[in-house]
Amino acid sequence: MWARTRDRGNCLGGSIVGYPLEKIHEEVAFIAYHFPWSHDEIMNMEHRDRKIWCEEISKINRKLNSNTQS
């Protein structure tokens, strides 16, 4: 499971060692679905930045979903 990873350095400064490639694909797909950024732009983000964007997109989706249910 942890063998297929993207190694960009240590965890300091937002880079990660041993992060599952499947999880990176999920993050990239999620961001790309909502923003017209290229694959390379998203893949070149620091892991921390990708996680922040995923969290912010999720907040927007939750807010929009709660407004449509009212």
C-alpha atoms as a PDB file:
ATOM      1  CA  MET A   1       0.000   0.000   0.000  1.00  0.00           C
ATOM      2  CA  TRP A   2       2.673   2.493   0.937  1.00  0.00           C
ATOM      3  CA  ALA A   3       5.073   1.347  -1.771  1.00  0.00           C
ATOM      4  CA  ARG A   4       3.521   3.509  -4.476  1.00  0.00           C
ATOM      5  CA  THR A   5       4.222   6.995  -3.204  1.00  0.00           C
ATOM      6  CA  ARG A   6       5.448  10.325  -4.387  1.00  0.00           C
ATOM      7  CA  ASP A   7       8.603  11.255  -2.502  1.00  0.00           C
ATOM      8  CA  ARG A   8       9.305  14.988  -2.587  1.00  0.00           C
ATOM      9  CA  GLY A   9      11.374  15.354   0.541  1.00  0.00           C
ATOM     10  CA  ASN A  10      10.596  15.232   4.222  1.00  0.00           C
ATOM     11  CA  CYS A  11       7.419  16.363   5.973  1.00  0.00           C
ATOM     12  CA  LEU A  12       8.891  19.709   6.926  1.00  0.00           C
ATOM     13  CA  GLY A  13       7.721  22.581   4.776  1.00  0.00           C
ATOM     14  CA  GLY A  14       4.672  20.773   3.443  1.00  0.00           C
ATOM     15  CA  SER A  15       6.407  17.988   1.526  1.00  0.00           C
ATOM     16  CA  ILE A  16       5.716  14.359   2.317  1.00  0.00           C
ATOM     17  CA  VAL A  17       7.487  11.050   2.384  1.00  0.00           C
ATOM     18  CA  GLY A  18       5.409   7.921   2.012  1.00  0.00           C
ATOM     19  CA  TYR A  19       2.082   9.515   1.090  1.00  0.00           C
ATOM     20  CA  PRO A  20      -0.099   6.980  -0.772  1.00  0.00           C
ATOM     21  CA  LEU A  21      -0.302   7.633  -4.491  1.00  0.00           C
ATOM     22  CA  GLU A  22      -4.004   6.703  -4.423  1.00  0.00           C
ATOM     23  CA  LYS A  23      -4.671   9.540  -1.969  1.00  0.00           C
ATOM     24  CA  ILE A  24      -2.794  12.013  -4.181  1.00  0.00           C
ATOM     25  CA  HIS A  25      -4.964  10.917  -7.122  1.00  0.00           C
ATOM     26  CA  GLU A  26      -8.105  11.507  -5.046  1.00  0.00           C
ATOM     27  CA  GLU A  27      -6.967  15.008  -4.096  1.00  0.00           C
ATOM     28  CA  VAL A  28      -5.986  15.907  -7.657  1.00  0.00           C
ATOM     29  CA  ALA A  29      -9.279  14.614  -9.084  1.00  0.00           C
ATOM     30  CA  PHE A  30     -11.279  16.469  -6.451  1.00  0.00           C
ATOM     31  CA  ILE A  31      -9.529  19.793  -7.105  1.00  0.00           C
ATOM     32  CA  ALA A  32      -9.538  19.361 -10.893  1.00  0.00           C
ATOM     33  CA  TYR A  33     -13.288  18.686 -10.857  1.00  0.00           C
ATOM     34  CA  HIS A  34     -13.920  22.080  -9.273  1.00  0.00           C
ATOM     35  CA  PHE A  35     -11.190  24.248 -10.799  1.00  0.00           C
ATOM     36  CA  PRO A  36      -9.823  24.486 -14.358  1.00  0.00           C
ATOM     37  CA  TRP A  37      -6.233  23.960 -13.228  1.00  0.00           C
ATOM     38  CA  SER A  38      -3.986  21.601 -15.155  1.00  0.00           C
ATOM     39  CA  HIS A  39      -2.849  18.247 -13.818  1.00  0.00           C
ATOM     40  CA  ASP A  40       0.715  19.552 -13.561  1.00  0.00           C
ATOM     41  CA  GLU A  41      -0.354  22.649 -11.626  1.00  0.00           C
ATOM     42  CA  ILE A  42      -2.199  20.549  -9.081  1.00  0.00           C
ATOM     43  CA  MET A  43       0.480  17.840  -8.855  1.00  0.00           C
ATOM     44  CA  ASN A  44       3.167  20.466  -8.320  1.00  0.00           C
ATOM     45  CA  MET A  45       1.363  21.925  -5.302  1.00  0.00           C
ATOM     46  CA  GLU A  46       2.752  21.083  -1.921  1.00  0.00           C
ATOM     47  CA  HIS A  47       0.704  18.417  -0.198  1.00  0.00           C
ATOM     48  CA  ARG A  48      -0.355  20.891   2.483  1.00  0.00           C
ATOM     49  CA  ASP A  49      -1.714  23.286  -0.149  1.00  0.00           C
ATOM     50  CA  ARG A  50      -3.656  20.507  -1.899  1.00  0.00           C
ATOM     51  CA  LYS A  51      -5.205  19.466   1.415  1.00  0.00           C
ATOM     52  CA  ILE A  52      -6.193  23.075   2.152  1.00  0.00           C
ATOM     53  CA  TRP A  53      -7.844  23.418  -1.272  1.00  0.00           C
ATOM     54  CA  CYS A  54      -9.727  20.139  -0.742  1.00  0.00           C
ATOM     55  CA  GLU A  55     -10.972  21.384   2.632  1.00  0.00           C
ATOM     56  CA  GLU A  56     -12.055  24.741   1.208  1.00  0.00           C
ATOM     57  CA  ILE A  57     -13.878  23.128  -1.732  1.00  0.00           C
ATOM     58  CA  SER A  58     -15.641  20.809   0.722  1.00  0.00           C
ATOM     59  CA  LYS A  59     -16.762  23.803   2.802  1.00  0.00           C
ATOM     60  CA  ILE A  60     -18.193  25.470  -0.296  1.00  0.00           C
ATOM     61  CA  ASN A  61     -20.005  22.266  -1.297  1.00  0.00           C
ATOM     62  CA  ARG A  62     -21.457  21.797   2.191  1.00  0.00           C
ATOM     63  CA  LYS A  63     -22.698  25.395   2.221  1.00  0.00           C
ATOM     64  CA  LEU A  64     -24.245  25.083  -1.237  1.00  0.00           C
ATOM     65  CA  ASN A  65     -25.871  21.768  -0.329  1.00  0.00           C
ATOM     66  CA  SER A  66     -27.346  23.156   2.875  1.00  0.00           C
ATOM     67  CA  ASN A  67     -28.761  26.148   0.975  1.00  0.00           C
ATOM     68  CA  THR A  68     -30.477  23.937  -1.616  1.00  0.00           C
ATOM     69  CA  GLN A  69     -32.063  21.755   1.078  1.00  0.00           C
ATOM     70  CA  SER A  70     -33.709  24.732   2.779  1.00  0.00           C
END
